[in-house]
Each structure stands twice: as C-alpha cells, then as structure tokens.
Amino acid sequence: MSNITPGHVRAFQAIRSQLYDNITLASVTINGEPGVAIVMVEHAGEDKIGVMPLFVALTENMVIEFPGDRESSGGGGGGPKNPREEFATNKAATAPSPRMTP
C-alpha cells in the first residue's frame, strides 16, 4: 500500500528538475509551529502570486510512521546534521553504477 499520489510524483519531479526556476524554501507556520516548506511560486494575476506547498519539513511535534519501520530515537531537526557530509552521501547513493564492458 502506498500513500503516494500522482500529484506527489509530479511535485517531486518538479523539485528535481532544472526546468523549474520558481521553486524555493519558505519559512511557514504549521499548526501554529514554526516550519519550513518547499514551495512553487507562480504569477496569479495583477499584483498576486500563487504559492503551492510541495512538501513541508517535519516539526518536532509531528509524528511520522513508515510502514514496517521501528521508531527512531533521539531528537531531530528536520535536516542533515552536517550538510556537506549528507550531500556526499546522497551523491554517492544516487550516482549511476559503472558500466561493465565485455
């Protein structure tokens, strides 16, 4: 079972695409708590902009469950502890596998 909708997939693709230059981080309030969201900003008419939240960072009081996973321990801040280290880890994890030549 998956809660991922086609809309979530499109939002994820937009975030990863270099074709969109209107996606940014925004400081937001989520249920009265400070938070951060990745949003798409578009012109919505004269002197108006439309803001579509694509994803929000978890706040301390949110509870998230991944099916089949155990609860994690420790606090969280919603981001990597060392951004440079996290970038290197993610880059290595998403790098294409080397091709084997016969």
C-alpha atoms as a PDB file:
ATOM      1  CA  MET A   1       0.000   0.000   0.000  1.00  0.00           C
ATOM      2  CA  SER A   2       1.261   3.487  -0.797  1.00  0.00           C
ATOM      3  CA  ASN A   3       0.026   6.950   0.081  1.00  0.00           C
ATOM      4  CA  ILE A   4       1.984   8.449  -2.828  1.00  0.00           C
ATOM      5  CA  THR A   5      -0.315  10.071  -5.373  1.00  0.00           C
ATOM      6  CA  PRO A   6       0.426  11.139  -8.959  1.00  0.00           C
ATOM      7  CA  GLY A   7       0.439  14.727  -7.634  1.00  0.00           C
ATOM      8  CA  HIS A   8       3.220  13.846  -5.182  1.00  0.00           C
ATOM      9  CA  VAL A   9       5.220  12.287  -8.004  1.00  0.00           C
ATOM     10  CA  ARG A  10       4.809  15.415 -10.163  1.00  0.00           C
ATOM     11  CA  ALA A  11       5.857  17.655  -7.260  1.00  0.00           C
ATOM     12  CA  PHE A  12       8.933  15.513  -6.656  1.00  0.00           C
ATOM     13  CA  GLN A  13       9.832  15.637 -10.345  1.00  0.00           C
ATOM     14  CA  ALA A  14       9.445  19.419 -10.359  1.00  0.00           C
ATOM     15  CA  ILE A  15      11.772  19.757  -7.385  1.00  0.00           C
ATOM     16  CA  ARG A  16      14.417  17.611  -9.059  1.00  0.00           C
ATOM     17  CA  SER A  17      14.084  19.212 -12.496  1.00  0.00           C
ATOM     18  CA  GLN A  18      16.266  22.061 -13.706  1.00  0.00           C
ATOM     19  CA  LEU A  19      13.333  23.247 -15.829  1.00  0.00           C
ATOM     20  CA  TYR A  20      11.648  24.949 -12.881  1.00  0.00           C
ATOM     21  CA  ASP A  21      13.158  28.131 -11.501  1.00  0.00           C
ATOM     22  CA  ASN A  22      10.165  29.025  -9.339  1.00  0.00           C
ATOM     23  CA  ILE A  23      10.712  26.550  -6.502  1.00  0.00           C
ATOM     24  CA  THR A  24      12.080  27.855  -3.226  1.00  0.00           C
ATOM     25  CA  LEU A  25      12.244  27.300   0.516  1.00  0.00           C
ATOM     26  CA  ALA A  26       9.748  29.228   2.592  1.00  0.00           C
ATOM     27  CA  SER A  27       9.528  29.875   6.304  1.00  0.00           C
ATOM     28  CA  VAL A  28       5.997  28.819   7.298  1.00  0.00           C
ATOM     29  CA  THR A  29       3.796  28.048  10.281  1.00  0.00           C
ATOM     30  CA  ILE A  30       2.391  24.510  10.520  1.00  0.00           C
ATOM     31  CA  ASN A  31      -0.396  24.039  13.067  1.00  0.00           C
ATOM     32  CA  GLY A  32       0.919  27.100  14.905  1.00  0.00           C
ATOM     33  CA  GLU A  33       4.512  25.826  14.974  1.00  0.00           C
ATOM     34  CA  PRO A  34       7.453  27.256  13.026  1.00  0.00           C
ATOM     35  CA  GLY A  35       8.322  25.175   9.992  1.00  0.00           C
ATOM     36  CA  VAL A  36       9.863  25.120   6.545  1.00  0.00           C
ATOM     37  CA  ALA A  37       8.263  24.211   3.231  1.00  0.00           C
ATOM     38  CA  ILE A  38       9.425  23.707  -0.324  1.00  0.00           C
ATOM     39  CA  VAL A  39       7.012  25.774  -2.406  1.00  0.00           C
ATOM     40  CA  MET A  40       6.293  26.598  -6.030  1.00  0.00           C
ATOM     41  CA  VAL A  41       5.609  30.289  -6.612  1.00  0.00           C
ATOM     42  CA  GLU A  42       3.704  31.448  -9.698  1.00  0.00           C
ATOM     43  CA  HIS A  43       2.204  34.668 -11.018  1.00  0.00           C
ATOM     44  CA  ALA A  44      -1.531  34.504 -10.294  1.00  0.00           C
ATOM     45  CA  GLY A  45      -2.731  37.822 -11.666  1.00  0.00           C
ATOM     46  CA  GLU A  46      -2.045  41.502 -11.301  1.00  0.00           C
ATOM     47  CA  ASP A  47      -0.140  42.061  -8.040  1.00  0.00           C
ATOM     48  CA  LYS A  48      -0.860  38.476  -6.955  1.00  0.00           C
ATOM     49  CA  ILE A  49       1.250  35.377  -6.581  1.00  0.00           C
ATOM     50  CA  GLY A  50       0.183  31.812  -6.055  1.00  0.00           C
ATOM     51  CA  VAL A  51       2.126  29.682  -3.593  1.00  0.00           C
ATOM     52  CA  MET A  52       1.739  25.927  -3.777  1.00  0.00           C
ATOM     53  CA  PRO A  53       3.392  23.975  -0.950  1.00  0.00           C
ATOM     54  CA  LEU A  54       5.031  20.879  -2.393  1.00  0.00           C
ATOM     55  CA  PHE A  55       6.462  19.422   0.795  1.00  0.00           C
ATOM     56  CA  VAL A  56       6.858  20.541   4.406  1.00  0.00           C
ATOM     57  CA  ALA A  57       9.629  19.679   6.833  1.00  0.00           C
ATOM     58  CA  LEU A  58       8.553  17.826   9.924  1.00  0.00           C
ATOM     59  CA  THR A  59       8.118  19.788  13.107  1.00  0.00           C
ATOM     60  CA  GLU A  60       9.099  18.427  16.497  1.00  0.00           C
ATOM     61  CA  ASN A  61       5.509  17.521  17.474  1.00  0.00           C
ATOM     62  CA  MET A  62       4.628  15.763  14.213  1.00  0.00           C
ATOM     63  CA  VAL A  63       4.544  12.005  14.286  1.00  0.00           C
ATOM     64  CA  ILE A  64       5.606  10.170  11.141  1.00  0.00           C
ATOM     65  CA  GLU A  65       5.376   6.441  10.639  1.00  0.00           C
ATOM     66  CA  PHE A  66       6.963   4.375   7.896  1.00  0.00           C
ATOM     67  CA  PRO A  67       5.231   1.011   7.435  1.00  0.00           C
ATOM     68  CA  GLY A  68       7.436  -1.792   8.747  1.00  0.00           C
ATOM     69  CA  ASP A  69       9.985   0.522  10.386  1.00  0.00           C
ATOM     70  CA  ARG A  70      10.693   0.950  14.060  1.00  0.00           C
ATOM     71  CA  GLU A  71      10.547   4.276  15.851  1.00  0.00           C
ATOM     72  CA  SER A  72      13.781   6.239  15.745  1.00  0.00           C
ATOM     73  CA  SER A  73      15.393   7.505  18.893  1.00  0.00           C
ATOM     74  CA  GLY A  74      16.789  10.902  19.612  1.00  0.00           C
ATOM     75  CA  GLY A  75      15.682  14.334  18.569  1.00  0.00           C
ATOM     76  CA  GLY A  76      15.557  15.638  15.080  1.00  0.00           C
ATOM     77  CA  GLY A  77      15.940  18.990  13.478  1.00  0.00           C
ATOM     78  CA  GLY A  78      14.441  18.246  10.087  1.00  0.00           C
ATOM     79  CA  GLY A  79      17.724  18.311   8.214  1.00  0.00           C
ATOM     80  CA  PRO A  80      21.123  16.724   7.941  1.00  0.00           C
ATOM     81  CA  LYS A  81      23.457  17.216  10.871  1.00  0.00           C
ATOM     82  CA  ASN A  82      26.349  18.048   8.548  1.00  0.00           C
ATOM     83  CA  PRO A  83      25.057  19.241   5.150  1.00  0.00           C
ATOM     84  CA  ARG A  84      28.399  18.653   3.379  1.00  0.00           C
ATOM     85  CA  GLU A  85      28.574  15.101   4.680  1.00  0.00           C
ATOM     86  CA  GLU A  86      24.934  14.448   3.771  1.00  0.00           C
ATOM     87  CA  PHE A  87      25.476  15.813   0.252  1.00  0.00           C
ATOM     88  CA  ALA A  88      28.437  13.482  -0.275  1.00  0.00           C
ATOM     89  CA  THR A  89      26.401  10.513   0.997  1.00  0.00           C
ATOM     90  CA  ASN A  90      23.415  11.320  -1.212  1.00  0.00           C
ATOM     91  CA  LYS A  91      25.627  11.983  -4.233  1.00  0.00           C
ATOM     92  CA  ALA A  92      27.306   8.594  -3.810  1.00  0.00           C
ATOM     93  CA  ALA A  93      23.957   6.853  -3.314  1.00  0.00           C
ATOM     94  CA  THR A  94      22.428   8.348  -6.458  1.00  0.00           C
ATOM     95  CA  ALA A  95      25.469   8.083  -8.722  1.00  0.00           C
ATOM     96  CA  PRO A  96      24.956   5.763 -11.696  1.00  0.00           C
ATOM     97  CA  SER A  97      26.579   2.364 -11.492  1.00  0.00           C
ATOM     98  CA  PRO A  98      29.682   1.936 -13.620  1.00  0.00           C
ATOM     99  CA  ARG A  99      29.054   0.012 -16.806  1.00  0.00           C
ATOM    100  CA  MET A 100      30.830  -3.252 -17.328  1.00  0.00           C
ATOM    101  CA  THR A 101      32.312  -3.742 -20.765  1.00  0.00           C
ATOM    102  CA  PRO A 102      32.662  -7.262 -22.139  1.00  0.00           C
END
